[in-house]
């Protein structure tokens, strides 16, 4: 099963329309999408505008593949669950966000090899067709590493070990 989510704050009709077009050519694939406040109404996939956080997590757990915007919460949850993840970054240049931070996020995570990125609609279909050929990514811990905690403590305390002034 494929679970798609766009989050709750902004519409992302471009991603949902591309996924719906792909699903129309894949009648044997089950797809459910949380489509948010957009105007597009899918024809080939089951969907709801909004779902609860608990239902979102349950659908992510049940999914074989997650398709999502490049939101950090969605990315980290999918990686924590060890799910195949295809990210479609929102584009400010297309009016989908206020800046291009999702492009930067998607590129950075793609460099780790833990997820796939579709930068446009044709790449979405191509990546979805190839996903079954890829293995599942290694799960990440839901907790910060000791190395990160040490680095943060060092930063907060200052280089000489004395706490920074508030």
Foldseek 3Di string as FASTA:
>chain_A
DEEEEEDADFFDVQVVVLVLVLLVVVVPDAYEYCGYPDDDDRDRYHYHVDDDPVVVLVVLLVDQEYEYEQDPVVVLSNQQSQHAYEYEHQDVVVVGDVHRVSVVSQVVVVVVVQYHYDPHSVSVSVCVVCVVVDDGGHHDHPDDDPVVVVVVQCVQCDVVRHGDDD
